[in-house]
Amino acid sequence: AEQLYKSLKGRRYLIVMDDVWNAEAWNDVRRCFPNDNNGSRVMVTSRILKVARFISPLNAPHVMRFLTVDESWKLLQEKLCGLDSRLCCDDEMGW
């Protein structure tokens, strides 16, 4: 924790913490991020509204829905093969 704090001190940073499940996890790491008023940010995602509200009580959480199976499949194809899903051939990928 001390090493991370020192490496970030005086620098501008963006930290993304994905899928935080409890307030204790945030409390354990938040002291690692210096606040030098230089525009640095920590972005946190959580599936649990209570955790999101605890982490940032003055800001309303942005609530997103889960993707459907079809949306998830399309997103995976786009990430693997670009926007042209024809490049993901069933024979080549084994799908």
Protein backbone atom coordinates (compact mmCIF):
# COMPACT_ATOMS: atom_id res chain seq x y z
CA ALA A 1 0.00 0.00 0.00
CA GLU A 2 2.80 2.40 0.90
CA GLN A 3 4.71 1.65 -2.29
CA LEU A 4 1.60 2.27 -4.43
CA TYR A 5 0.88 5.55 -2.61
CA LYS A 6 4.45 6.76 -3.14
CA SER A 7 4.43 5.82 -6.82
CA LEU A 8 1.19 7.78 -7.39
CA LYS A 9 2.02 10.78 -5.18
CA GLY A 10 2.31 13.95 -7.26
CA ARG A 11 1.27 12.17 -10.46
CA ARG A 12 -2.01 12.23 -12.32
CA TYR A 13 -3.68 8.83 -12.50
CA LEU A 14 -6.85 6.95 -13.40
CA ILE A 15 -7.52 3.80 -11.40
CA VAL A 16 -10.38 1.45 -12.31
CA MET A 17 -11.53 -1.02 -9.68
CA ASP A 18 -13.94 -3.51 -11.19
CA ASP A 19 -16.64 -5.44 -9.34
CA VAL A 20 -16.11 -4.31 -5.74
CA TRP A 21 -18.29 -6.49 -3.51
CA ASN A 22 -18.12 -4.77 -0.13
CA ALA A 23 -17.32 -1.50 1.59
CA GLU A 24 -14.44 -3.04 3.51
CA ALA A 25 -12.58 -3.73 0.26
CA TRP A 26 -12.83 -0.04 -0.65
CA ASN A 27 -11.75 1.02 2.83
CA ASP A 28 -8.71 -1.25 2.56
CA VAL A 29 -7.43 0.38 -0.64
CA ARG A 30 -8.66 3.97 -0.68
CA ARG A 31 -5.77 5.23 1.42
CA CYS A 32 -3.42 4.07 -1.35
CA PHE A 33 -4.65 6.82 -3.67
CA PRO A 34 -3.26 10.28 -2.86
CA ASN A 35 -5.54 13.27 -3.41
CA ASP A 36 -3.27 15.95 -4.83
CA ASN A 37 -6.17 17.87 -6.44
CA ASN A 38 -4.62 17.31 -9.87
CA GLY A 39 -7.57 15.68 -11.64
CA SER A 40 -6.74 12.11 -10.69
CA ARG A 41 -9.70 9.76 -10.47
CA VAL A 42 -10.64 6.37 -9.09
CA MET A 43 -13.57 4.71 -10.88
CA VAL A 44 -15.30 1.84 -9.12
CA THR A 45 -17.81 -0.65 -10.46
CA SER A 46 -20.03 -2.76 -8.26
CA ARG A 47 -23.12 -4.86 -8.74
CA ILE A 48 -24.24 -3.86 -5.25
CA LEU A 49 -25.95 -0.46 -4.96
CA LYS A 50 -25.27 -0.25 -1.23
CA VAL A 51 -21.51 -0.49 -1.94
CA ALA A 52 -21.68 2.13 -4.70
CA ARG A 53 -23.54 4.52 -2.43
CA PHE A 54 -21.06 3.94 0.39
CA ILE A 55 -18.07 4.66 -1.85
CA SER A 56 -19.55 7.84 -3.30
CA PRO A 57 -22.49 9.02 -1.18
CA LEU A 58 -22.80 12.40 -2.95
CA ASN A 59 -23.05 10.94 -6.46
CA ALA A 60 -25.91 8.83 -7.76
CA PRO A 61 -24.64 5.51 -9.11
CA HIS A 62 -25.01 4.77 -12.80
CA VAL A 63 -27.12 1.61 -12.92
CA MET A 64 -26.68 -0.65 -15.93
CA ARG A 65 -28.55 -3.78 -16.91
CA PHE A 66 -26.90 -7.10 -17.66
CA LEU A 67 -26.44 -8.01 -21.33
CA THR A 68 -28.64 -10.69 -22.84
CA VAL A 69 -26.98 -13.86 -24.14
CA ASP A 70 -27.28 -12.55 -27.71
CA GLU A 71 -25.81 -9.15 -26.78
CA SER A 72 -22.94 -10.84 -24.95
CA TRP A 73 -22.20 -13.05 -27.94
CA LYS A 74 -22.27 -10.09 -30.34
CA LEU A 75 -19.95 -8.08 -28.07
CA LEU A 76 -17.50 -11.00 -27.87
CA GLN A 77 -17.50 -11.37 -31.65
CA GLU A 78 -16.91 -7.63 -32.13
CA LYS A 79 -14.02 -7.65 -29.67
CA LEU A 80 -12.41 -10.71 -31.27
CA CYS A 81 -13.07 -9.95 -34.92
CA GLY A 82 -13.78 -6.25 -35.18
CA LEU A 83 -17.02 -4.78 -36.41
CA ASP A 84 -17.18 -7.17 -39.35
CA SER A 85 -18.41 -10.36 -37.65
CA ARG A 86 -18.02 -12.22 -40.98
CA LEU A 87 -14.31 -12.39 -40.10
CA CYS A 88 -15.25 -14.75 -37.28
CA CYS A 89 -15.90 -17.81 -39.32
CA ASP A 90 -17.47 -20.77 -37.52
CA ASP A 91 -15.01 -23.16 -39.17
CA GLU A 92 -11.95 -21.13 -38.21
CA MET A 93 -12.96 -20.39 -34.62
CA GLY A 94 -14.72 -23.67 -33.94
CA TRP A 95 -17.95 -21.91 -32.92
